[in-house]
Amino acid sequence: MISLMESLRELYRIGHGPSSSHTMGPRAAAERFAADYPQAAAFRATLYGSLAATGRGHFTDRAIMDAFGANPVDIVWKPEELKPYHPNAMLLEAISKSATIIGERLVYSVGGGKVVVDGAEPPAAASAVYSRPSMADILSELERGGITFWEYVEEREGPTIWPFLEDVWHAMKAGVERGIENEGVLPGELRLPRKASAYYVKANGFRGSLKRRSMLFAYALATAEENAAGGVIVTAPTCGSCGVLPAVLYGLHKHYDFSEGKIIKALATAGLVGNLVKHNASISGAEVGCQGEVGTACAMAAAAAAQLFGGSPAQIEYAAEMGLEHHLGLTCDPIGGYVQIPCIERNAFAASRALDANTYALLSDGRHRISFDTIVETMKRTGKDLPSIYRETSAGGLAVTARCCG
């Protein structure tokens, strides 16, 4: 039996950074748990695996305490203990005035802000709207109907998807514009200075393609820095990779005069690409490394750009395939557990690479040997093969060799 793929409403989420899996997800889970146990005198949250290993740098504890409000909260960290379903696990407990446990819930934050409750029934089918959860099947559907990706999204989601995507675009645009203006040092022990504002000023002094490419870096840095500071961003597909797609779309809107209507249609296509990765593999850095986050974001942005520049469905698929393929094996090794180094720069370079994939695909006729579906499966297998030290635990890679920065 083929499982249905969820709505784009489950992929694009507007909320506070710095991490969809470590901040957004735990906050949402804690808020729901608190609402279910208003009689509790205190709460306890036990974090396991990756959620514990990098939780402090991702502000997981702050998000949970904020969700529980004025109630006393005990945070227990167990990075060495793994639960079977996903590396990002959290046990929530409600405690009475007599210090007895009156309720508990094991939850998994699986990426993109989504939370799965252990033992619960699958979510209602209302959010599962795509009956063809593979790129090959979707391309066949497009060819039979003579339609493109965004029209397929509208067929499956209905016309109400457009106001939703309009809100997503406005949130993305606002994030870029705030990030360009904001200056200073990002929160945390790294004391990393913001760069987007300075990059934007310098880029304004350039001309032509150099200006456009430099602006792209500024836009990506702007959103990624807003995320690192806990600002409001859109998961695209995650918080850690939230700067890629907004940078590409904002740049094309500003420098190539694409209308907001066309940008929103490109968002639909990008969301479909991200959904395919999420459904058939993973967008969680704790599960497959940064290839699942920044790699997927690059594929989404490449597909969006290819559509805006008039690419055929085959060329759009090719652009998405290259965007993900050339991030295969990318590890998740944030220094100090912060979504800052190397995360912020990766957003800027992935945005640039997305436009390169778009150009390469449009120069072709869209025919190529390795399909998008094959790359998604390859990414999934590669992620499973990565040692846990390279999957958002800050136990390997830059997080270890660059200790001087932490």
Protein backbone atom coordinates (compact mmCIF):
# COMPACT_ATOMS: atom_id res chain seq x y z
CA MET A 1 0.00 0.00 0.00
CA ILE A 2 1.41 3.39 -1.05
CA SER A 3 1.29 5.98 1.72
CA LEU A 4 -0.03 9.41 0.86
CA MET A 5 2.21 12.47 0.96
CA GLU A 6 1.26 15.36 3.21
CA SER A 7 0.18 18.86 2.28
CA LEU A 8 2.69 21.66 1.79
CA ARG A 9 1.16 23.14 4.93
CA GLU A 10 3.08 20.48 6.84
CA LEU A 11 6.38 21.48 5.20
CA TYR A 12 6.38 25.27 5.33
CA ARG A 13 6.00 26.40 8.94
CA ILE A 14 6.34 29.99 10.13
CA GLY A 15 7.95 30.23 13.55
CA HIS A 16 10.97 31.08 15.67
CA GLY A 17 14.45 29.63 15.05
CA PRO A 18 17.08 28.50 15.45
CA SER A 19 16.07 24.88 14.83
CA SER A 20 12.90 23.28 13.52
CA SER A 21 13.71 19.95 15.15
CA HIS A 22 15.36 21.24 18.32
CA THR A 23 13.36 24.43 18.95
CA MET A 24 10.08 24.53 17.01
CA GLY A 25 9.19 20.86 17.54
CA PRO A 26 9.94 20.68 21.29
CA ARG A 27 8.18 23.99 21.91
CA ALA A 28 5.04 22.79 20.13
CA ALA A 29 5.10 19.43 21.92
CA ALA A 30 5.53 21.07 25.32
CA GLU A 31 2.73 23.56 24.66
CA ARG A 32 0.32 20.74 23.77
CA PHE A 33 1.37 18.71 26.81
CA ALA A 34 0.95 21.67 29.14
CA ALA A 35 -2.53 22.29 27.76
CA ASP A 36 -3.44 18.65 28.43
CA TYR A 37 -2.30 18.86 32.07
CA PRO A 38 -3.36 22.27 33.41
CA GLN A 39 -3.54 20.78 36.92
CA ALA A 40 0.20 19.95 36.98
CA ALA A 41 2.34 21.73 39.57
CA ALA A 42 5.57 21.11 37.66
CA PHE A 43 6.94 19.44 34.54
CA ARG A 44 9.98 17.41 33.58
CA ALA A 45 11.46 17.06 30.10
CA THR A 46 14.07 14.36 29.44
CA LEU A 47 15.96 14.87 26.19
CA TYR A 48 17.61 11.95 24.40
CA GLY A 49 20.13 11.48 21.59
CA SER A 50 20.76 14.40 19.26
CA LEU A 51 18.09 16.47 20.98
CA ALA A 52 20.20 16.34 24.14
CA ALA A 53 23.61 16.50 22.47
CA THR A 54 23.03 19.86 20.80
CA GLY A 55 19.97 21.04 22.69
CA ARG A 56 21.69 23.82 24.63
CA GLY A 57 23.20 25.37 21.49
CA HIS A 58 19.84 25.07 19.74
CA PHE A 59 18.05 26.69 22.74
CA THR A 60 15.88 23.60 23.26
CA ASP A 61 15.75 24.14 27.01
CA ARG A 62 14.65 27.76 26.58
CA ALA A 63 11.90 26.76 24.15
CA ILE A 64 10.57 24.11 26.53
CA MET A 65 10.63 26.40 29.56
CA ASP A 66 8.88 29.14 27.59
CA ALA A 67 6.19 26.64 26.57
CA PHE A 68 5.53 25.64 30.19
CA GLY A 69 5.24 29.26 31.27
CA ALA A 70 5.54 29.98 34.99
CA ASN A 71 5.50 26.31 36.00
CA PRO A 72 8.75 24.84 37.40
CA VAL A 73 10.52 22.75 34.76
CA ASP A 74 13.27 20.18 35.22
CA ILE A 75 15.38 19.52 32.09
CA VAL A 76 17.24 16.19 32.04
CA TRP A 77 19.92 15.62 29.39
CA LYS A 78 20.65 12.07 28.14
CA PRO A 79 22.68 12.40 24.90
CA GLU A 80 24.00 8.82 25.06
CA GLU A 81 20.56 7.23 25.26
CA LEU A 82 18.75 6.66 21.98
CA LYS A 83 15.11 5.83 21.42
CA PRO A 84 14.19 3.52 18.53
CA TYR A 85 12.08 5.71 16.26
CA HIS A 86 14.24 8.83 15.78
CA PRO A 87 17.38 10.43 17.30
CA ASN A 88 15.38 13.46 18.48
CA ALA A 89 13.34 12.03 21.36
CA MET A 90 11.85 13.74 24.40
CA LEU A 91 9.91 12.37 27.38
CA LEU A 92 7.50 14.89 28.91
CA GLU A 93 6.16 14.32 32.40
CA ALA A 94 3.51 16.19 34.37
CA ILE A 95 4.04 16.24 38.15
CA SER A 96 1.46 16.89 40.83
CA LYS A 97 1.80 18.93 44.02
CA SER A 98 2.53 15.67 45.87
CA ALA A 99 5.44 14.99 43.47
CA THR A 100 3.72 12.09 41.69
CA ILE A 101 3.72 11.69 37.91
CA ILE A 102 0.19 12.27 36.64
CA GLY A 103 0.97 12.07 32.93
CA GLU A 104 3.77 11.32 30.50
CA ARG A 105 4.31 11.42 26.76
CA LEU A 106 7.25 10.28 24.61
CA VAL A 107 7.54 12.43 21.49
CA TYR A 108 9.89 12.59 18.53
CA SER A 109 10.83 15.81 16.76
CA VAL A 110 11.40 14.43 13.28
CA GLY A 111 12.44 17.58 11.38
CA GLY A 112 10.79 20.62 9.88
CA GLY A 113 8.98 21.32 13.16
CA LYS A 114 6.90 18.14 12.96
CA VAL A 115 6.31 16.12 16.13
CA VAL A 116 5.31 12.45 16.29
CA VAL A 117 3.84 11.04 19.51
CA ASP A 118 5.07 7.56 20.37
CA GLY A 119 2.32 4.99 19.91
CA ALA A 120 -0.20 7.46 18.50
CA GLU A 121 -2.26 6.82 15.42
CA PRO A 122 -0.99 8.36 12.15
CA PRO A 123 -2.28 11.89 11.50
CA ALA A 124 -5.64 12.32 9.85
CA ALA A 125 -5.75 11.75 6.13
CA ALA A 126 -6.91 15.34 5.63
CA SER A 127 -3.29 16.50 5.55
CA ALA A 128 -2.22 13.68 3.21
CA VAL A 129 -3.24 14.88 -0.23
CA TYR A 130 -0.68 13.54 -2.72
CA SER A 131 -1.36 10.03 -3.98
CA ARG A 132 1.77 9.90 -6.16
CA PRO A 133 4.72 10.26 -3.75
CA SER A 134 7.51 9.91 -6.32
CA MET A 135 8.93 12.34 -8.85
CA ALA A 136 8.58 9.77 -11.65
CA ASP A 137 4.85 9.35 -11.00
CA ILE A 138 4.32 13.09 -10.78
CA LEU A 139 6.16 13.70 -14.06
CA SER A 140 3.94 11.09 -15.74
CA GLU A 141 0.88 12.88 -14.34
CA LEU A 142 2.13 16.21 -15.66
CA GLU A 143 2.73 14.78 -19.11
CA ARG A 144 -0.72 13.19 -19.29
CA GLY A 145 -2.45 16.39 -18.21
CA GLY A 146 -0.22 18.85 -20.04
CA ILE A 147 0.30 20.73 -16.79
CA THR A 148 3.28 21.88 -14.73
CA PHE A 149 4.24 21.34 -11.11
CA TRP A 150 2.40 24.30 -9.61
CA GLU A 151 -0.82 23.32 -11.39
CA TYR A 152 -0.47 19.81 -10.00
CA VAL A 153 -0.11 21.30 -6.51
CA GLU A 154 -3.30 23.30 -7.02
CA GLU A 155 -5.15 20.20 -8.24
CA ARG A 156 -4.19 18.26 -5.12
CA GLU A 157 -4.34 21.02 -2.51
CA GLY A 158 -7.18 23.14 -3.85
CA PRO A 159 -7.22 26.94 -4.35
CA THR A 160 -6.84 27.61 -0.63
CA ILE A 161 -3.16 26.73 -0.94
CA TRP A 162 -2.45 30.10 -2.57
CA PRO A 163 -3.34 32.35 0.41
CA PHE A 164 -1.24 30.02 2.57
CA LEU A 165 1.76 30.26 0.22
CA GLU A 166 1.27 34.02 0.01
CA ASP A 167 1.67 34.19 3.79
CA VAL A 168 4.77 32.00 3.52
CA TRP A 169 6.28 34.31 0.92
CA HIS A 170 5.56 37.43 2.97
CA ALA A 171 7.20 35.81 6.02
CA MET A 172 10.25 34.88 3.94
CA LYS A 173 10.51 38.37 2.50
CA ALA A 174 10.17 39.98 5.93
CA GLY A 175 12.91 37.71 7.28
CA VAL A 176 15.33 38.76 4.54
CA GLU A 177 14.57 42.45 5.04
CA ARG A 178 14.95 42.28 8.83
CA GLY A 179 18.20 40.38 8.49
CA ILE A 180 19.65 42.98 6.14
CA GLU A 181 18.96 45.72 8.68
CA ASN A 182 19.97 43.94 11.88
CA GLU A 183 23.57 44.13 13.07
CA GLY A 184 25.54 43.04 16.13
CA VAL A 185 26.56 39.70 17.58
CA LEU A 186 24.48 36.52 17.44
CA PRO A 187 23.50 34.94 20.77
CA GLY A 188 25.66 32.21 22.23
CA GLU A 189 29.24 31.56 23.22
CA LEU A 190 30.65 31.77 19.69
CA ARG A 191 30.12 35.55 19.66
CA LEU A 192 29.65 35.39 15.89
CA PRO A 193 29.05 38.80 14.30
CA ARG A 194 26.27 39.26 11.78
CA LYS A 195 27.51 39.82 8.21
CA ALA A 196 24.38 40.27 6.09
CA SER A 197 24.09 44.03 6.56
CA ALA A 198 27.72 44.67 5.60
CA TYR A 199 27.50 42.29 2.63
CA TYR A 200 24.39 44.09 1.42
CA VAL A 201 26.07 47.50 1.58
CA LYS A 202 29.15 46.23 -0.27
CA ALA A 203 27.06 44.41 -2.88
CA ASN A 204 25.27 47.66 -3.69
CA GLY A 205 28.58 49.06 -4.91
CA PHE A 206 28.91 46.34 -7.57
CA ARG A 207 27.27 46.03 -10.97
CA GLY A 208 25.77 43.36 -13.17
CA SER A 209 26.12 39.66 -12.36
CA LEU A 210 28.64 40.37 -9.57
CA LYS A 211 26.07 42.55 -7.81
CA ARG A 212 23.31 39.95 -8.20
CA ARG A 213 25.48 37.13 -6.89
CA SER A 214 26.78 39.22 -3.98
CA MET A 215 23.23 40.25 -3.09
CA LEU A 216 22.27 36.58 -3.10
CA PHE A 217 24.87 35.94 -0.41
CA ALA A 218 23.53 38.88 1.62
CA TYR A 219 19.94 37.63 1.38
CA ALA A 220 20.86 34.09 2.43
CA LEU A 221 22.98 35.34 5.33
CA ALA A 222 20.18 37.68 6.39
CA THR A 223 17.63 34.89 6.86
CA ALA A 224 20.10 32.41 8.33
CA GLU A 225 21.27 35.01 10.85
CA GLU A 226 17.70 35.87 11.79
CA ASN A 227 17.15 32.17 12.42
CA ALA A 228 20.31 31.88 14.54
CA ALA A 229 19.06 34.81 16.64
CA GLY A 230 15.70 33.12 17.24
CA GLY A 231 13.82 35.34 14.81
CA VAL A 232 10.71 34.43 12.83
CA ILE A 233 11.50 32.45 9.69
CA VAL A 234 9.96 29.76 7.47
CA THR A 235 11.10 26.15 7.51
CA ALA A 236 12.24 25.53 3.93
CA PRO A 237 12.47 22.70 4.63
CA THR A 238 14.05 23.30 8.09
CA CYS A 239 15.21 26.21 10.21
CA GLY A 240 18.87 25.35 9.68
CA SER A 241 18.42 25.60 5.91
CA CYS A 242 15.87 28.42 5.94
CA GLY A 243 18.07 30.95 4.11
CA VAL A 244 18.46 29.16 0.77
CA LEU A 245 15.02 29.35 -0.85
CA PRO A 246 14.15 32.88 0.40
CA ALA A 247 17.49 34.19 -0.91
CA VAL A 248 16.91 32.78 -4.39
CA LEU A 249 13.27 33.89 -4.60
CA TYR A 250 13.91 37.33 -3.10
CA GLY A 251 16.84 37.86 -5.46
CA LEU A 252 14.86 36.84 -8.53
CA HIS A 253 11.94 39.01 -7.44
CA LYS A 254 14.16 42.06 -6.89
CA HIS A 255 16.69 41.76 -9.70
CA TYR A 256 14.71 40.02 -12.45
CA ASP A 257 11.30 41.60 -11.75
CA PHE A 258 9.41 38.35 -11.33
CA SER A 259 5.96 39.15 -9.95
CA GLU A 260 4.83 37.97 -6.55
CA GLY A 261 2.27 35.74 -8.27
CA LYS A 262 5.02 33.89 -10.12
CA ILE A 263 7.15 33.71 -6.98
CA ILE A 264 4.28 32.07 -5.09
CA LYS A 265 3.79 29.52 -7.87
CA ALA A 266 7.52 28.77 -7.66
CA LEU A 267 7.06 28.25 -3.91
CA ALA A 268 4.51 25.56 -4.70
CA THR A 269 6.96 23.73 -6.95
CA ALA A 270 9.74 24.07 -4.41
CA GLY A 271 7.45 22.73 -1.70
CA LEU A 272 6.58 19.70 -3.80
CA VAL A 273 10.30 18.92 -4.20
CA GLY A 274 10.90 19.30 -0.47
CA ASN A 275 7.88 17.16 0.31
CA LEU A 276 9.20 14.33 -1.85
CA VAL A 277 12.47 14.29 0.08
CA LYS A 278 10.68 14.50 3.41
CA HIS A 279 8.29 11.67 2.49
CA ASN A 280 10.77 9.30 0.87
CA ALA A 281 13.91 10.03 2.89
CA SER A 282 14.39 12.66 5.60
CA ILE A 283 14.96 16.38 6.11
CA SER A 284 16.30 15.87 9.63
CA GLY A 285 19.98 16.60 10.23
CA ALA A 286 19.86 14.27 13.22
CA GLU A 287 18.78 11.44 10.93
CA VAL A 288 20.70 11.98 7.66
CA GLY A 289 23.09 14.87 8.23
CA CYS A 290 23.07 18.29 6.62
CA GLN A 291 22.54 16.82 3.15
CA GLY A 292 18.91 16.36 4.19
CA GLU A 293 18.58 20.00 5.22
CA VAL A 294 20.77 22.23 3.06
CA GLY A 295 20.81 19.69 0.21
CA THR A 296 17.03 19.59 0.10
CA ALA A 297 16.82 23.38 0.35
CA CYS A 298 19.17 23.68 -2.62
CA ALA A 299 17.03 21.26 -4.63
CA MET A 300 13.91 23.24 -3.77
CA ALA A 301 15.49 26.55 -4.76
CA ALA A 302 16.94 25.12 -7.98
CA ALA A 303 13.52 23.81 -9.01
CA ALA A 304 11.86 27.13 -8.19
CA ALA A 305 14.41 29.06 -10.24
CA ALA A 306 14.11 26.69 -13.20
CA GLN A 307 10.35 27.17 -13.25
CA LEU A 308 10.65 30.95 -13.08
CA PHE A 309 13.05 30.96 -16.02
CA GLY A 310 10.66 28.91 -18.14
CA GLY A 311 12.05 25.42 -17.65
CA SER A 312 10.08 22.36 -18.70
CA PRO A 313 9.04 19.82 -16.05
CA ALA A 314 12.01 17.68 -17.10
CA GLN A 315 14.42 20.59 -16.71
CA ILE A 316 12.91 21.52 -13.34
CA GLU A 317 13.34 17.92 -12.15
CA TYR A 318 16.94 17.95 -13.41
CA ALA A 319 17.72 21.16 -11.53
CA ALA A 320 16.29 19.69 -8.33
CA GLU A 321 18.24 16.47 -8.81
CA MET A 322 21.53 18.35 -9.16
CA GLY A 323 20.78 20.55 -6.18
CA LEU A 324 20.51 17.49 -3.95
CA GLU A 325 23.10 15.29 -5.67
CA HIS A 326 25.94 17.73 -5.15
CA HIS A 327 25.30 17.90 -1.42
CA LEU A 328 25.43 14.13 -0.89
CA GLY A 329 27.41 13.22 2.20
CA LEU A 330 27.24 16.68 3.75
CA THR A 331 27.65 16.23 7.49
CA CYS A 332 25.85 18.05 10.29
CA ASP A 333 28.60 19.14 12.70
CA PRO A 334 27.60 22.50 14.26
CA ILE A 335 30.26 24.00 16.49
CA GLY A 336 29.02 24.18 20.06
CA GLY A 337 25.61 22.96 18.94
CA TYR A 338 24.74 26.42 17.60
CA VAL A 339 23.04 26.82 14.22
CA GLN A 340 25.82 29.20 13.18
CA ILE A 341 29.11 27.60 12.07
CA PRO A 342 29.09 26.13 9.43
CA CYS A 343 25.32 26.41 9.01
CA ILE A 344 25.00 30.09 8.07
CA GLU A 345 27.64 30.06 5.32
CA ARG A 346 26.23 26.83 3.94
CA ASN A 347 22.94 28.61 3.28
CA ALA A 348 24.72 31.25 1.21
CA PHE A 349 26.69 28.77 -0.88
CA ALA A 350 23.69 26.49 -1.39
CA ALA A 351 21.70 29.45 -2.74
CA SER A 352 24.47 30.11 -5.23
CA ARG A 353 24.67 26.44 -6.15
CA ALA A 354 20.89 26.37 -6.71
CA LEU A 355 21.21 29.02 -9.41
CA ASP A 356 24.09 27.09 -10.96
CA ALA A 357 21.94 23.95 -11.08
CA ASN A 358 19.15 25.99 -12.67
CA THR A 359 21.46 27.33 -15.39
CA TYR A 360 22.96 23.90 -16.08
CA ALA A 361 19.52 22.30 -16.36
CA LEU A 362 18.16 25.01 -18.68
CA LEU A 363 21.13 24.59 -21.01
CA SER A 364 20.14 20.93 -21.38
CA ASP A 365 17.05 19.35 -22.89
CA GLY A 366 16.17 17.93 -19.49
CA ARG A 367 17.31 14.39 -20.25
CA HIS A 368 19.84 12.90 -17.84
CA ARG A 369 20.88 9.52 -16.42
CA ILE A 370 20.29 9.85 -12.69
CA SER A 371 16.74 10.62 -11.62
CA PHE A 372 15.64 12.77 -8.70
CA ASP A 373 14.06 9.71 -7.07
CA THR A 374 17.36 7.85 -7.29
CA ILE A 375 19.20 10.72 -5.61
CA VAL A 376 16.62 10.87 -2.82
CA GLU A 377 17.09 7.16 -2.15
CA THR A 378 20.86 7.59 -2.31
CA MET A 379 20.73 10.48 0.16
CA LYS A 380 18.65 8.38 2.54
CA ARG A 381 21.12 5.50 2.41
CA THR A 382 24.10 7.82 2.73
CA GLY A 383 22.53 9.41 5.80
CA LYS A 384 22.01 6.04 7.44
CA ASP A 385 25.64 5.16 6.73
CA LEU A 386 26.97 8.34 8.33
CA PRO A 387 28.33 7.74 11.84
CA SER A 388 26.23 9.41 14.52
CA ILE A 389 29.03 11.92 15.22
CA TYR A 390 28.14 13.54 11.87
CA ARG A 391 24.40 13.68 12.50
CA GLU A 392 23.74 16.76 14.61
CA THR A 393 25.46 15.58 17.77
CA SER A 394 28.41 18.02 17.63
CA ALA A 395 30.66 15.04 18.36
CA GLY A 396 32.67 15.07 15.13
CA GLY A 397 33.87 17.15 12.20
CA LEU A 398 34.15 20.90 12.71
CA ALA A 399 32.51 20.64 16.11
CA VAL A 400 35.61 18.78 17.32
CA THR A 401 38.48 20.09 15.17
CA ALA A 402 37.45 23.74 15.66
CA ARG A 403 37.01 23.63 19.44
CA CYS A 404 38.86 26.93 19.65
CA CYS A 405 35.79 28.60 18.23
CA GLY A 406 33.43 27.16 20.84
